[in-house]
Structure formats: structure tokens, C-alpha cells
């Protein structure tokens, strides 16, 4: 039984690692890196960013929505989704004595701390779920009439979303490290630099092809 539980744990964890670190399709790490760098560029340039390239405005909304949806599927209530990270932590706490890390069974206080870290961001989780369930995945009648109202009814700050996604990534990464004493190399910096270079090249192209537009 212990071997079966350990195998179940390791298999589930490997799937979360793919959802976090994967590149095809992109996991949470690359999605977050792209989003965070776009938000940073917006903070640096302000509305001037839309002059550098108008398509960046809807692009940020699209990247943000994609990040919300990717995060939401990992944070479903356990009764609704066996693949929820909450369900995974519940499994770990229930079977803690039959799971082995390099250092031994995972301490229950570590698992509880991981759960508390996620629950402390419950307002952000609820807002993401609300946007998804009422508008992005299913269209509530209210938002069919007033689409922009979704942002007022379920307000979210970029920094709150970034902190939540980092918490999700942190839980999975900690399990991976404690199990193997190794973790996948993060690709976040690669994607962030790519976005920074993209904006720089777009700005250079705008100045060259449309002199005076950015003055």
C-alpha cells in the first residue's frame, strides 16, 4: 500500500510540474513571466506603450485572461476537480505517513503551511473564479449586456494575481525539490527577456518607420 501511495504521489506531482514548467503548451512559469514583464513595460511606458504598438493593449488582456484560466484550473474546489492543487494537498496530508521525501515523510506543518499560503489568497482566487465562471468560460446574462462590468464586480490587481501564481508555483516546486533534491530549471528569465527585447524592437521600428510618432 505504501508503495502504491508513493507512486500515486509521484505521478500526480510530475503532472503538476508539467503544468507549471511545461513549454508546449506553456505552463504557469512562462505564462507568468510574459505577463509580469508586460505589466512592467506598461508601468515603465504608461499609455505610450500603446503608441509603440497598439496591439500590445489587447495582447496584455489576452495574456492576463490566459493566466487566470491556467491558474483557475489548478485551484478548483477538490469536490469539483481531482486535479486541483487543494485536492493534491489533501491527499498528501491524509497519506503523509506513506509518502517519502529525501528527508523522510513530509512534515504535516509544511503541508499545512502550503495550504495556508494558498488560502490566504482566497479573495484573489474567488475573483479569478468569478471572472471565469461568469464571463470567460460561461457567459452570464448580466455580462452579455455589460461585458466591462465583470472587471468591477470581480476586481483584481496585477500584483495580487502574480503573488497567487507564485504561491502555486512555490507549492509544486517545493514538493519537487523535497522529493528529488532537484528541480526543473526555470525558464522565466528567458521569457521575460524575450518580452523586453520585443518591446525594444517595436519601439525602434516605430521610430524608424514612423518618425515623430513617439515624440
C-alpha atoms as a PDB file:
ATOM      1  CA  UNK A   1       0.000   0.000   0.000  1.00  0.00           C
ATOM      2  CA  UNK A   2       2.816   2.416   0.885  1.00  0.00           C
ATOM      3  CA  UNK A   3       4.493   1.843  -2.475  1.00  0.00           C
ATOM      4  CA  UNK A   4       1.211   2.432  -4.288  1.00  0.00           C
ATOM      5  CA  UNK A   5       0.592   5.702  -2.441  1.00  0.00           C
ATOM      6  CA  UNK A   6       4.167   6.855  -3.135  1.00  0.00           C
ATOM      7  CA  UNK A   7       3.784   6.030  -6.831  1.00  0.00           C
ATOM      8  CA  UNK A   8       0.451   7.894  -6.930  1.00  0.00           C
ATOM      9  CA  UNK A   9       2.043  10.902  -5.244  1.00  0.00           C
ATOM     10  CA  UNK A  10       4.993  10.996  -7.633  1.00  0.00           C
ATOM     11  CA  UNK A  11       2.793  10.598 -10.695  1.00  0.00           C
ATOM     12  CA  UNK A  12       0.480  13.414  -9.625  1.00  0.00           C
ATOM     13  CA  UNK A  13       3.419  15.645  -8.794  1.00  0.00           C
ATOM     14  CA  UNK A  14       5.003  15.032 -12.200  1.00  0.00           C
ATOM     15  CA  UNK A  15       1.798  16.201 -13.859  1.00  0.00           C
ATOM     16  CA  UNK A  16       1.795  19.398 -11.817  1.00  0.00           C
ATOM     17  CA  UNK A  17       5.437  20.016 -12.744  1.00  0.00           C
ATOM     18  CA  UNK A  18       4.463  19.777 -16.418  1.00  0.00           C
ATOM     19  CA  UNK A  19       1.571  22.204 -15.903  1.00  0.00           C
ATOM     20  CA  UNK A  20       3.920  24.586 -14.109  1.00  0.00           C
ATOM     21  CA  UNK A  21       7.142  24.329 -16.112  1.00  0.00           C
ATOM     22  CA  UNK A  22       5.948  22.990 -19.476  1.00  0.00           C
ATOM     23  CA  UNK A  23       6.713  24.749 -22.730  1.00  0.00           C
ATOM     24  CA  UNK A  24       4.300  23.008 -25.141  1.00  0.00           C
ATOM     25  CA  UNK A  25       1.746  24.025 -24.100  1.00  0.00           C
ATOM     26  CA  UNK A  26       3.305  26.740 -21.943  1.00  0.00           C
ATOM     27  CA  UNK A  27       2.960  26.209 -18.204  1.00  0.00           C
ATOM     28  CA  UNK A  28       2.383  28.725 -15.438  1.00  0.00           C
ATOM     29  CA  UNK A  29       6.040  29.766 -15.220  1.00  0.00           C
ATOM     30  CA  UNK A  30       6.341  31.038 -18.825  1.00  0.00           C
ATOM     31  CA  UNK A  31       2.804  32.462 -18.750  1.00  0.00           C
ATOM     32  CA  UNK A  32       3.564  34.388 -15.578  1.00  0.00           C
ATOM     33  CA  UNK A  33       6.927  35.597 -16.879  1.00  0.00           C
ATOM     34  CA  UNK A  34       5.348  37.021 -20.041  1.00  0.00           C
ATOM     35  CA  UNK A  35       2.508  38.646 -18.102  1.00  0.00           C
ATOM     36  CA  UNK A  36       4.722  40.129 -15.407  1.00  0.00           C
ATOM     37  CA  UNK A  37       7.129  41.628 -17.969  1.00  0.00           C
ATOM     38  CA  UNK A  38       4.269  43.100 -19.997  1.00  0.00           C
ATOM     39  CA  UNK A  39       2.908  44.687 -16.813  1.00  0.00           C
ATOM     40  CA  UNK A  40       6.380  46.018 -16.036  1.00  0.00           C
ATOM     41  CA  UNK A  41       6.652  47.509 -19.521  1.00  0.00           C
ATOM     42  CA  UNK A  42       3.241  49.105 -19.086  1.00  0.00           C
ATOM     43  CA  UNK A  43       4.379  50.613 -15.791  1.00  0.00           C
ATOM     44  CA  UNK A  44       7.541  51.976 -17.415  1.00  0.00           C
ATOM     45  CA  UNK A  45       5.934  53.434 -20.539  1.00  0.00           C
ATOM     46  CA  UNK A  46       2.348  54.138 -19.442  1.00  0.00           C
ATOM     47  CA  UNK A  47      -0.041  54.860 -22.316  1.00  0.00           C
ATOM     48  CA  UNK A  48       2.983  55.481 -24.514  1.00  0.00           C
ATOM     49  CA  UNK A  49       3.235  51.671 -24.791  1.00  0.00           C
ATOM     50  CA  UNK A  50       0.121  51.694 -26.988  1.00  0.00           C
ATOM     51  CA  UNK A  51       1.833  54.206 -29.276  1.00  0.00           C
ATOM     52  CA  UNK A  52       4.860  51.935 -29.566  1.00  0.00           C
ATOM     53  CA  UNK A  53       2.493  49.180 -30.698  1.00  0.00           C
ATOM     54  CA  UNK A  54      -1.320  49.445 -30.348  1.00  0.00           C
ATOM     55  CA  UNK A  55      -1.722  45.651 -30.490  1.00  0.00           C
ATOM     56  CA  UNK A  56       0.016  45.403 -27.108  1.00  0.00           C
ATOM     57  CA  UNK A  57      -3.141  46.693 -25.402  1.00  0.00           C
ATOM     58  CA  UNK A  58      -5.399  43.738 -26.332  1.00  0.00           C
ATOM     59  CA  UNK A  59      -2.390  41.427 -26.062  1.00  0.00           C
ATOM     60  CA  UNK A  60      -1.989  42.205 -22.362  1.00  0.00           C
ATOM     61  CA  UNK A  61      -5.696  41.477 -21.781  1.00  0.00           C
ATOM     62  CA  UNK A  62      -5.342  38.176 -23.636  1.00  0.00           C
ATOM     63  CA  UNK A  63      -2.241  37.134 -21.716  1.00  0.00           C
ATOM     64  CA  UNK A  64      -3.919  38.098 -18.441  1.00  0.00           C
ATOM     65  CA  UNK A  65      -7.039  36.058 -19.227  1.00  0.00           C
ATOM     66  CA  UNK A  66      -4.955  33.058 -20.234  1.00  0.00           C
ATOM     67  CA  UNK A  67      -3.006  33.265 -16.967  1.00  0.00           C
ATOM     68  CA  UNK A  68      -6.250  33.485 -14.979  1.00  0.00           C
ATOM     69  CA  UNK A  69      -7.701  30.414 -16.676  1.00  0.00           C
ATOM     70  CA  UNK A  70      -4.500  28.392 -16.270  1.00  0.00           C
ATOM     71  CA  UNK A  71      -4.400  29.282 -12.584  1.00  0.00           C
ATOM     72  CA  UNK A  72      -8.094  28.609 -12.012  1.00  0.00           C
ATOM     73  CA  UNK A  73      -7.921  25.035 -13.253  1.00  0.00           C
ATOM     74  CA  UNK A  74      -5.307  24.281 -10.590  1.00  0.00           C
ATOM     75  CA  UNK A  75      -7.312  25.876  -7.780  1.00  0.00           C
ATOM     76  CA  UNK A  76     -10.754  24.317  -8.206  1.00  0.00           C
ATOM     77  CA  UNK A  77     -12.573  23.088  -5.136  1.00  0.00           C
ATOM     78  CA  UNK A  78     -11.493  19.446  -4.574  1.00  0.00           C
ATOM     79  CA  UNK A  79     -15.075  18.176  -4.922  1.00  0.00           C
ATOM     80  CA  UNK A  80     -15.203  19.626  -8.429  1.00  0.00           C
ATOM     81  CA  UNK A  81     -11.786  18.561  -9.706  1.00  0.00           C
ATOM     82  CA  UNK A  82      -9.488  15.765  -8.616  1.00  0.00           C
ATOM     83  CA  UNK A  83      -6.626  17.580 -10.312  1.00  0.00           C
ATOM     84  CA  UNK A  84      -6.956  20.597  -8.037  1.00  0.00           C
ATOM     85  CA  UNK A  85      -3.863  21.535  -6.057  1.00  0.00           C
ATOM     86  CA  UNK A  86      -6.118  21.642  -2.996  1.00  0.00           C
ATOM     87  CA  UNK A  87      -7.056  18.005  -3.667  1.00  0.00           C
ATOM     88  CA  UNK A  88      -3.368  17.154  -4.009  1.00  0.00           C
ATOM     89  CA  UNK A  89      -2.539  18.743  -0.651  1.00  0.00           C
ATOM     90  CA  UNK A  90      -5.488  16.962   0.962  1.00  0.00           C
ATOM     91  CA  UNK A  91      -4.146  13.677  -0.437  1.00  0.00           C
ATOM     92  CA  UNK A  92      -0.686  14.469   0.932  1.00  0.00           C
ATOM     93  CA  UNK A  93      -1.987  15.257   4.409  1.00  0.00           C
ATOM     94  CA  UNK A  94      -4.175  12.158   4.502  1.00  0.00           C
ATOM     95  CA  UNK A  95      -1.315   9.918   3.369  1.00  0.00           C
ATOM     96  CA  UNK A  96       1.577  11.813   4.922  1.00  0.00           C
ATOM     97  CA  UNK A  97       2.965   8.766   6.741  1.00  0.00           C
ATOM     98  CA  UNK A  98       3.081   6.784   3.484  1.00  0.00           C
ATOM     99  CA  UNK A  99       4.839   9.445   1.402  1.00  0.00           C
ATOM    100  CA  UNK A 100       8.607   9.758   1.454  1.00  0.00           C
ATOM    101  CA  UNK A 101      10.768  12.743   0.578  1.00  0.00           C
ATOM    102  CA  UNK A 102      14.561  12.551   0.590  1.00  0.00           C
ATOM    103  CA  UNK A 103      14.479  13.594   4.247  1.00  0.00           C
ATOM    104  CA  UNK A 104      11.606  11.298   5.220  1.00  0.00           C
ATOM    105  CA  UNK A 105       7.819  11.826   5.393  1.00  0.00           C
ATOM    106  CA  UNK A 106       6.726  15.391   4.574  1.00  0.00           C
ATOM    107  CA  UNK A 107       6.162  17.230   7.875  1.00  0.00           C
ATOM    108  CA  UNK A 108       2.477  17.922   8.366  1.00  0.00           C
ATOM    109  CA  UNK A 109       3.279  21.518   9.344  1.00  0.00           C
ATOM    110  CA  UNK A 110       4.928  22.064   5.949  1.00  0.00           C
ATOM    111  CA  UNK A 111       1.834  20.800   4.141  1.00  0.00           C
ATOM    112  CA  UNK A 112      -0.408  22.942   6.329  1.00  0.00           C
ATOM    113  CA  UNK A 113       1.759  25.981   5.628  1.00  0.00           C
ATOM    114  CA  UNK A 114       1.418  25.384   1.876  1.00  0.00           C
ATOM    115  CA  UNK A 115      -2.353  25.145   2.218  1.00  0.00           C
ATOM    116  CA  UNK A 116      -2.462  28.279   4.368  1.00  0.00           C
ATOM    117  CA  UNK A 117      -0.366  30.157   1.789  1.00  0.00           C
ATOM    118  CA  UNK A 118      -2.957  29.408  -0.879  1.00  0.00           C
ATOM    119  CA  UNK A 119      -5.953  30.054   1.386  1.00  0.00           C
ATOM    120  CA  UNK A 120      -4.527  33.420   2.427  1.00  0.00           C
ATOM    121  CA  UNK A 121      -5.145  34.479  -1.177  1.00  0.00           C
ATOM    122  CA  UNK A 122      -8.737  33.274  -1.218  1.00  0.00           C
ATOM    123  CA  UNK A 123     -10.118  36.676  -2.296  1.00  0.00           C
ATOM    124  CA  UNK A 124      -7.903  36.635  -5.368  1.00  0.00           C
ATOM    125  CA  UNK A 125      -8.873  33.028  -6.115  1.00  0.00           C
ATOM    126  CA  UNK A 126     -12.573  33.878  -5.810  1.00  0.00           C
ATOM    127  CA  UNK A 127     -12.233  36.864  -8.150  1.00  0.00           C
ATOM    128  CA  UNK A 128     -10.423  34.771 -10.770  1.00  0.00           C
ATOM    129  CA  UNK A 129     -13.068  32.037 -10.485  1.00  0.00           C
ATOM    130  CA  UNK A 130     -15.832  34.615 -10.716  1.00  0.00           C
ATOM    131  CA  UNK A 131     -14.455  36.109 -13.920  1.00  0.00           C
ATOM    132  CA  UNK A 132     -14.005  32.642 -15.403  1.00  0.00           C
ATOM    133  CA  UNK A 133     -17.411  31.245 -14.429  1.00  0.00           C
ATOM    134  CA  UNK A 134     -19.438  34.360 -15.217  1.00  0.00           C
ATOM    135  CA  UNK A 135     -17.720  35.608 -18.355  1.00  0.00           C
ATOM    136  CA  UNK A 136     -14.636  33.942 -19.839  1.00  0.00           C
ATOM    137  CA  UNK A 137     -15.769  30.309 -19.786  1.00  0.00           C
ATOM    138  CA  UNK A 138     -19.539  30.806 -19.396  1.00  0.00           C
ATOM    139  CA  UNK A 139     -21.453  33.931 -20.334  1.00  0.00           C
ATOM    140  CA  UNK A 140     -23.778  35.158 -17.600  1.00  0.00           C
ATOM    141  CA  UNK A 141     -26.738  37.168 -18.855  1.00  0.00           C
ATOM    142  CA  UNK A 142     -25.630  40.174 -16.822  1.00  0.00           C
ATOM    143  CA  UNK A 143     -22.280  40.363 -18.613  1.00  0.00           C
ATOM    144  CA  UNK A 144     -23.792  39.723 -22.015  1.00  0.00           C
ATOM    145  CA  UNK A 145     -25.417  43.128 -21.583  1.00  0.00           C
ATOM    146  CA  UNK A 146     -22.467  44.823 -19.861  1.00  0.00           C
ATOM    147  CA  UNK A 147     -19.180  42.987 -20.578  1.00  0.00           C
ATOM    148  CA  UNK A 148     -16.977  45.598 -18.881  1.00  0.00           C
ATOM    149  CA  UNK A 149     -18.887  45.141 -15.627  1.00  0.00           C
ATOM    150  CA  UNK A 150     -17.005  41.880 -14.972  1.00  0.00           C
ATOM    151  CA  UNK A 151     -13.918  43.913 -14.044  1.00  0.00           C
ATOM    152  CA  UNK A 152     -15.843  45.980 -11.486  1.00  0.00           C
ATOM    153  CA  UNK A 153     -17.724  43.039  -9.978  1.00  0.00           C
ATOM    154  CA  UNK A 154     -14.582  40.908  -9.679  1.00  0.00           C
ATOM    155  CA  UNK A 155     -11.725  43.393  -9.237  1.00  0.00           C
ATOM    156  CA  UNK A 156      -8.160  42.113  -9.450  1.00  0.00           C
ATOM    157  CA  UNK A 157      -4.818  43.831  -9.114  1.00  0.00           C
ATOM    158  CA  UNK A 158      -1.958  42.502 -11.214  1.00  0.00           C
ATOM    159  CA  UNK A 159       0.306  42.186  -8.165  1.00  0.00           C
ATOM    160  CA  UNK A 160      -2.301  40.080  -6.352  1.00  0.00           C
ATOM    161  CA  UNK A 161      -2.515  37.696  -9.305  1.00  0.00           C
ATOM    162  CA  UNK A 162       1.263  37.497  -9.597  1.00  0.00           C
ATOM    163  CA  UNK A 163       1.561  36.704  -5.877  1.00  0.00           C
ATOM    164  CA  UNK A 164      -1.065  33.947  -6.146  1.00  0.00           C
ATOM    165  CA  UNK A 165       0.568  32.340  -9.170  1.00  0.00           C
ATOM    166  CA  UNK A 166       3.944  32.467  -7.431  1.00  0.00           C
ATOM    167  CA  UNK A 167       2.352  30.708  -4.441  1.00  0.00           C
ATOM    168  CA  UNK A 168       1.029  27.939  -6.716  1.00  0.00           C
ATOM    169  CA  UNK A 169       4.417  27.558  -8.384  1.00  0.00           C
ATOM    170  CA  UNK A 170       6.071  27.557  -4.955  1.00  0.00           C
ATOM    171  CA  UNK A 171       3.974  24.648  -3.670  1.00  0.00           C
ATOM    172  CA  UNK A 172       4.770  22.440  -6.651  1.00  0.00           C
ATOM    173  CA  UNK A 173       8.445  23.417  -6.712  1.00  0.00           C
ATOM    174  CA  UNK A 174       8.863  22.687  -3.005  1.00  0.00           C
ATOM    175  CA  UNK A 175       7.420  19.186  -3.413  1.00  0.00           C
ATOM    176  CA  UNK A 176       9.644  18.566  -6.432  1.00  0.00           C
ATOM    177  CA  UNK A 177      12.736  19.734  -4.577  1.00  0.00           C
ATOM    178  CA  UNK A 178      11.992  17.840  -1.361  1.00  0.00           C
ATOM    179  CA  UNK A 179      11.260  14.647  -3.300  1.00  0.00           C
ATOM    180  CA  UNK A 180      14.305  14.723  -5.586  1.00  0.00           C
ATOM    181  CA  UNK A 181      16.567  17.418  -4.107  1.00  0.00           C
ATOM    182  CA  UNK A 182      16.466  18.910  -7.586  1.00  0.00           C
ATOM    183  CA  UNK A 183      14.024  20.989  -9.598  1.00  0.00           C
ATOM    184  CA  UNK A 184      13.456  21.909 -13.221  1.00  0.00           C
ATOM    185  CA  UNK A 185      15.483  24.869 -14.468  1.00  0.00           C
ATOM    186  CA  UNK A 186      13.190  27.872 -14.568  1.00  0.00           C
ATOM    187  CA  UNK A 187      12.615  29.404 -17.991  1.00  0.00           C
ATOM    188  CA  UNK A 188      11.060  32.560 -16.551  1.00  0.00           C
ATOM    189  CA  UNK A 189      14.034  34.830 -17.237  1.00  0.00           C
ATOM    190  CA  UNK A 190      14.243  33.646 -20.846  1.00  0.00           C
ATOM    191  CA  UNK A 191      10.621  34.667 -21.492  1.00  0.00           C
ATOM    192  CA  UNK A 192      10.921  37.940 -19.609  1.00  0.00           C
ATOM    193  CA  UNK A 193      13.975  38.950 -21.653  1.00  0.00           C
ATOM    194  CA  UNK A 194      12.109  37.983 -24.811  1.00  0.00           C
ATOM    195  CA  UNK A 195       9.245  40.338 -23.983  1.00  0.00           C
ATOM    196  CA  UNK A 196      11.668  43.144 -23.078  1.00  0.00           C
ATOM    197  CA  UNK A 197      13.502  42.704 -26.378  1.00  0.00           C
ATOM    198  CA  UNK A 198      10.213  42.611 -28.273  1.00  0.00           C
ATOM    199  CA  UNK A 199       9.106  45.969 -26.868  1.00  0.00           C
ATOM    200  CA  UNK A 200      12.537  47.483 -27.509  1.00  0.00           C
ATOM    201  CA  UNK A 201      12.484  46.291 -31.125  1.00  0.00           C
ATOM    202  CA  UNK A 202       8.927  47.531 -31.615  1.00  0.00           C
ATOM    203  CA  UNK A 203       9.943  50.942 -30.288  1.00  0.00           C
ATOM    204  CA  UNK A 204      12.964  51.072 -32.590  1.00  0.00           C
ATOM    205  CA  UNK A 205      10.827  50.048 -35.551  1.00  0.00           C
ATOM    206  CA  UNK A 206       8.188  52.673 -34.759  1.00  0.00           C
ATOM    207  CA  UNK A 207      10.822  55.415 -34.569  1.00  0.00           C
ATOM    208  CA  UNK A 208      12.385  54.316 -37.856  1.00  0.00           C
ATOM    209  CA  UNK A 209       9.216  53.737 -39.861  1.00  0.00           C
ATOM    210  CA  UNK A 210       7.033  56.458 -38.356  1.00  0.00           C
ATOM    211  CA  UNK A 211       9.319  59.339 -37.312  1.00  0.00           C
ATOM    212  CA  UNK A 212       7.815  61.684 -34.749  1.00  0.00           C
ATOM    213  CA  UNK A 213       5.000  59.383 -33.562  1.00  0.00           C
ATOM    214  CA  UNK A 214       6.665  58.756 -30.212  1.00  0.00           C
ATOM    215  CA  UNK A 215       7.847  62.339 -29.606  1.00  0.00           C
END
